[in-house]
Amino acid sequence: MKIQVHINNTKVSVNDRAFNYGDGLFETIRVKSNNPLFIDDHIKRLKRGCKILHLPVISNKLIKESV
């Protein structure tokens, strides 16, 4: 059995809301034949949720590349 350990040196402030309260936002996206369905609708909901939760809004291009 191979054991892997990943160390991330990123620091998070103790005042970070995501750290303290678990703030976050996600969408479940159905994919058919390697194509995410209704991606623009998902992006609109993600952006609306980010604004409501005061989270940084990510570009459509980055979201589409990540999906």
Protein backbone atom coordinates (compact mmCIF):
# COMPACT_ATOMS: atom_id res chain seq x y z
CA MET A 1 0.00 0.00 0.00
CA LYS A 2 1.30 3.43 -0.98
CA ILE A 3 0.69 6.33 1.43
CA GLN A 4 0.68 9.88 0.14
CA VAL A 5 0.91 12.99 2.26
CA HIS A 6 0.15 16.39 0.78
CA ILE A 7 1.21 19.49 2.67
CA ASN A 8 -0.32 22.85 1.82
CA ASN A 9 1.53 25.82 3.28
CA THR A 10 -1.38 28.19 2.61
CA LYS A 11 -2.43 30.12 5.69
CA VAL A 12 -6.03 30.96 6.53
CA SER A 13 -6.93 33.81 8.83
CA VAL A 14 -8.86 32.84 11.96
CA ASN A 15 -11.26 35.61 10.94
CA ASP A 16 -12.05 33.93 7.59
CA ARG A 17 -15.82 33.24 7.38
CA ALA A 18 -15.34 30.03 5.37
CA PHE A 19 -13.00 28.74 8.07
CA ASN A 20 -15.30 29.72 10.94
CA TYR A 21 -18.72 29.09 9.46
CA GLY A 22 -18.17 26.84 6.46
CA ASP A 23 -19.50 29.41 3.98
CA GLY A 24 -19.51 28.00 0.52
CA LEU A 25 -21.54 27.52 -2.62
CA PHE A 26 -21.76 24.73 -5.17
CA GLU A 27 -23.86 23.48 -8.07
CA THR A 28 -24.39 19.92 -9.19
CA ILE A 29 -24.17 19.84 -12.97
CA ARG A 30 -25.42 17.03 -15.18
CA VAL A 31 -22.96 16.12 -17.93
CA LYS A 32 -24.03 14.32 -21.09
CA SER A 33 -21.49 13.22 -23.74
CA ASN A 34 -18.80 15.30 -21.99
CA ASN A 35 -20.95 18.45 -22.17
CA PRO A 36 -22.31 20.14 -19.04
CA LEU A 37 -26.03 20.76 -19.54
CA PHE A 38 -27.51 24.21 -18.92
CA ILE A 39 -24.08 25.58 -17.93
CA ASP A 40 -25.13 29.23 -18.35
CA ASP A 41 -28.05 28.74 -15.95
CA HIS A 42 -25.71 27.15 -13.41
CA ILE A 43 -23.28 30.05 -13.73
CA LYS A 44 -26.06 32.60 -13.19
CA ARG A 45 -27.11 30.81 -9.98
CA LEU A 46 -23.51 30.56 -8.78
CA LYS A 47 -22.92 34.28 -9.34
CA ARG A 48 -26.18 35.23 -7.63
CA GLY A 49 -25.26 33.02 -4.66
CA CYS A 50 -21.76 34.53 -4.47
CA LYS A 51 -23.22 38.03 -4.29
CA ILE A 52 -25.68 37.02 -1.56
CA LEU A 53 -22.92 35.36 0.51
CA HIS A 54 -20.39 38.14 -0.25
CA LEU A 55 -18.01 35.66 -1.88
CA PRO A 56 -15.69 36.64 -4.74
CA VAL A 57 -17.34 36.26 -8.15
CA ILE A 58 -15.33 34.15 -10.60
CA SER A 59 -15.31 34.76 -14.37
CA ASN A 60 -17.55 32.66 -16.62
CA LYS A 61 -14.46 31.54 -18.54
CA LEU A 62 -12.76 30.16 -15.42
CA ILE A 63 -15.93 28.38 -14.31
CA LYS A 64 -16.41 26.78 -17.73
CA GLU A 65 -12.75 25.71 -17.90
CA SER A 66 -13.00 24.21 -14.40
CA VAL A 67 -16.15 22.25 -15.21
